């Protein structure tokens, strides 16, 4: 009888980098990974923004606090954050629609085929890749136009 093979495990002492590194591994030439990371980051930003937005809109009860907040909103740093927030909302929404089409409705996946080397994941099919590039293109166009409109309002463009 042959010897029993020991199972192979990865090192389990990566610390905090073990939680961050998998997000950015293999990001080069991998738009799916870029979309994954951006979707997670924009989702986190939106989760942080929601309670802040609820708190800020509750200031309308006190007109003085509301006026103070509106003056604070004219700060260039606040305008930059609003632009980042706008881009996050647009990307998260567009990519979410793409994910619903692919994962929820099975659009663009194609028919199952027996695996033959070299293995090519179905996520790299041409339809999904085109949709992903369309999401990136539409997002960048809308985000840049939104930034021009936002910054023109304050005389920066």
Protein backbone atom coordinates (compact mmCIF):
# COMPACT_ATOMS: atom_id res chain seq x y z
CA UNK A 1 0.00 0.00 0.00
CA UNK A 2 1.18 3.49 -0.80
CA UNK A 3 1.58 6.25 1.70
CA UNK A 4 -1.33 8.55 2.38
CA UNK A 5 -0.88 11.94 0.85
CA UNK A 6 -1.07 14.93 3.12
CA UNK A 7 -3.59 17.52 2.01
CA UNK A 8 -2.02 20.69 0.71
CA UNK A 9 -3.11 23.89 2.46
CA UNK A 10 -2.18 27.50 1.98
CA UNK A 11 -0.37 29.33 4.73
CA UNK A 12 -2.96 30.59 7.18
CA UNK A 13 -0.98 33.45 8.70
CA UNK A 14 -1.59 36.23 6.23
CA UNK A 15 -3.04 38.68 8.76
CA UNK A 16 -4.95 41.69 7.51
CA UNK A 17 -3.30 41.48 4.09
CA UNK A 18 -4.94 38.08 3.65
CA UNK A 19 -8.30 39.88 3.60
CA UNK A 20 -7.20 42.65 1.24
CA UNK A 21 -4.84 40.89 -1.17
CA UNK A 22 -7.42 38.48 -2.71
CA UNK A 23 -9.42 41.49 -3.91
CA UNK A 24 -6.55 42.81 -5.98
CA UNK A 25 -4.86 39.60 -7.08
CA UNK A 26 -4.76 39.04 -10.82
CA UNK A 27 -6.21 42.47 -11.59
CA UNK A 28 -3.97 42.98 -14.62
CA UNK A 29 -5.70 42.08 -17.91
CA UNK A 30 -8.75 40.97 -15.93
CA UNK A 31 -11.68 43.38 -16.28
CA UNK A 32 -13.92 40.98 -14.36
CA UNK A 33 -11.69 41.36 -11.29
CA UNK A 34 -11.67 45.15 -11.70
CA UNK A 35 -15.48 45.14 -11.85
CA UNK A 36 -15.62 42.87 -8.78
CA UNK A 37 -13.37 45.15 -6.73
CA UNK A 38 -15.13 48.34 -7.87
CA UNK A 39 -18.55 46.82 -7.16
CA UNK A 40 -17.49 45.91 -3.62
CA UNK A 41 -15.86 49.30 -2.94
CA UNK A 42 -18.78 51.31 -4.33
CA UNK A 43 -21.17 49.15 -2.30
CA UNK A 44 -19.21 49.90 0.87
CA UNK A 45 -19.20 53.61 0.06
CA UNK A 46 -22.96 53.58 -0.48
CA UNK A 47 -23.53 51.71 2.79
CA UNK A 48 -21.52 54.39 4.61
CA UNK A 49 -23.32 57.19 2.75
CA UNK A 50 -26.87 56.05 3.52
CA UNK A 51 -26.88 56.76 7.29
CA UNK A 52 -24.99 60.02 6.71
CA UNK A 53 -27.63 61.07 4.17
CA UNK A 54 -30.46 60.21 6.56
CA UNK A 55 -28.74 62.24 9.30
CA UNK A 56 -28.21 65.23 7.02
CA UNK A 57 -31.77 65.27 5.73
CA UNK A 58 -33.00 65.25 9.34
CA UNK A 59 -31.33 68.66 9.70
CA UNK A 60 -34.11 70.25 7.64
CA UNK A 61 -36.14 70.47 10.86
CA UNK A 62 -33.74 73.15 12.10
CA UNK A 63 -33.32 75.84 9.40
CA UNK A 64 -30.07 77.21 10.91
CA UNK A 65 -28.34 73.81 10.88
CA UNK A 66 -29.55 73.23 7.32
CA UNK A 67 -28.10 76.57 6.16
CA UNK A 68 -24.80 75.75 7.88
CA UNK A 69 -24.69 72.42 6.08
CA UNK A 70 -25.42 74.02 2.70
CA UNK A 71 -22.49 76.41 3.24
CA UNK A 72 -20.28 73.44 4.09
CA UNK A 73 -21.40 71.73 0.89
CA UNK A 74 -19.80 74.52 -1.18
CA UNK A 75 -16.37 73.40 0.01
CA UNK A 76 -14.26 71.94 -2.87
CA UNK A 77 -13.54 68.80 -0.86
CA UNK A 78 -17.27 68.23 -0.31
CA UNK A 79 -17.90 68.72 -4.04
CA UNK A 80 -15.17 66.21 -4.87
CA UNK A 81 -16.77 63.69 -2.50
CA UNK A 82 -20.15 64.25 -4.17
CA UNK A 83 -18.53 63.55 -7.54
CA UNK A 84 -16.99 60.32 -6.19
CA UNK A 85 -20.37 59.40 -4.70
CA UNK A 86 -22.12 60.08 -8.01
CA UNK A 87 -19.63 57.84 -9.84
CA UNK A 88 -20.16 55.13 -7.22
CA UNK A 89 -23.92 55.22 -7.63
CA UNK A 90 -23.70 55.07 -11.42
CA UNK A 91 -21.15 52.23 -11.52
CA UNK A 92 -22.86 50.18 -8.80
CA UNK A 93 -26.21 50.51 -10.55
CA UNK A 94 -24.93 49.66 -14.04
CA UNK A 95 -22.81 46.75 -12.86
CA UNK A 96 -25.71 45.52 -10.73
CA UNK A 97 -27.95 45.42 -13.81
CA UNK A 98 -25.23 43.50 -15.69
CA UNK A 99 -24.93 41.02 -12.82
CA UNK A 100 -28.70 40.53 -12.72
CA UNK A 101 -28.71 39.75 -16.43
CA UNK A 102 -25.81 37.31 -16.19
CA UNK A 103 -26.38 35.63 -12.84
CA UNK A 104 -30.10 36.08 -12.38
CA UNK A 105 -31.38 35.50 -15.89
CA UNK A 106 -28.47 33.54 -17.35
CA UNK A 107 -28.04 35.88 -20.30
CA UNK A 108 -24.72 35.72 -22.13
CA UNK A 109 -23.58 32.49 -20.49
CA UNK A 110 -24.07 30.19 -23.45
CA UNK A 111 -24.62 26.44 -23.58
CA UNK A 112 -22.66 24.15 -21.27
CA UNK A 113 -19.84 22.31 -23.00
CA UNK A 114 -17.58 19.49 -21.84
CA UNK A 115 -14.33 20.90 -20.47
CA UNK A 116 -11.38 20.62 -22.80
CA UNK A 117 -7.93 21.99 -22.13
CA UNK A 118 -7.07 24.82 -22.09
CA UNK A 119 -9.96 25.55 -19.77
CA UNK A 120 -11.69 28.85 -20.44
CA UNK A 121 -14.23 30.03 -17.88
CA UNK A 122 -17.63 30.98 -19.23
CA UNK A 123 -17.32 34.37 -17.55
CA UNK A 124 -14.88 35.31 -20.29
CA UNK A 125 -17.42 34.75 -23.08
CA UNK A 126 -17.60 37.47 -25.68
CA UNK A 127 -21.13 38.59 -24.71
CA UNK A 128 -20.23 39.05 -21.05
CA UNK A 129 -16.98 40.78 -21.92
CA UNK A 130 -18.83 43.20 -24.23
CA UNK A 131 -21.40 43.94 -21.53
CA UNK A 132 -18.63 44.59 -19.04
CA UNK A 133 -16.85 46.97 -21.42
CA UNK A 134 -20.19 48.69 -22.09
CA UNK A 135 -20.70 49.17 -18.35
CA UNK A 136 -17.21 50.68 -18.02
CA UNK A 137 -17.74 52.97 -21.04
CA UNK A 138 -21.19 54.20 -20.02
CA UNK A 139 -20.04 54.68 -16.44
CA UNK A 140 -17.03 56.78 -17.42
CA UNK A 141 -19.04 58.93 -19.86
CA UNK A 142 -21.85 59.58 -17.37
CA UNK A 143 -19.38 60.19 -14.53
CA UNK A 144 -17.31 62.68 -16.54
CA UNK A 145 -20.39 64.52 -17.84
CA UNK A 146 -21.81 64.60 -14.31
CA UNK A 147 -18.51 65.99 -13.03
CA UNK A 148 -18.50 68.71 -15.67
CA UNK A 149 -22.07 69.68 -14.76
CA UNK A 150 -21.32 69.59 -11.03
CA UNK A 151 -18.07 71.51 -11.24
CA UNK A 152 -19.40 74.04 -13.78
CA UNK A 153 -22.13 74.94 -11.33
CA UNK A 154 -19.44 76.09 -8.92
CA UNK A 155 -17.30 77.76 -11.59
CA UNK A 156 -14.46 75.22 -11.59
CA UNK A 157 -14.78 74.18 -15.24
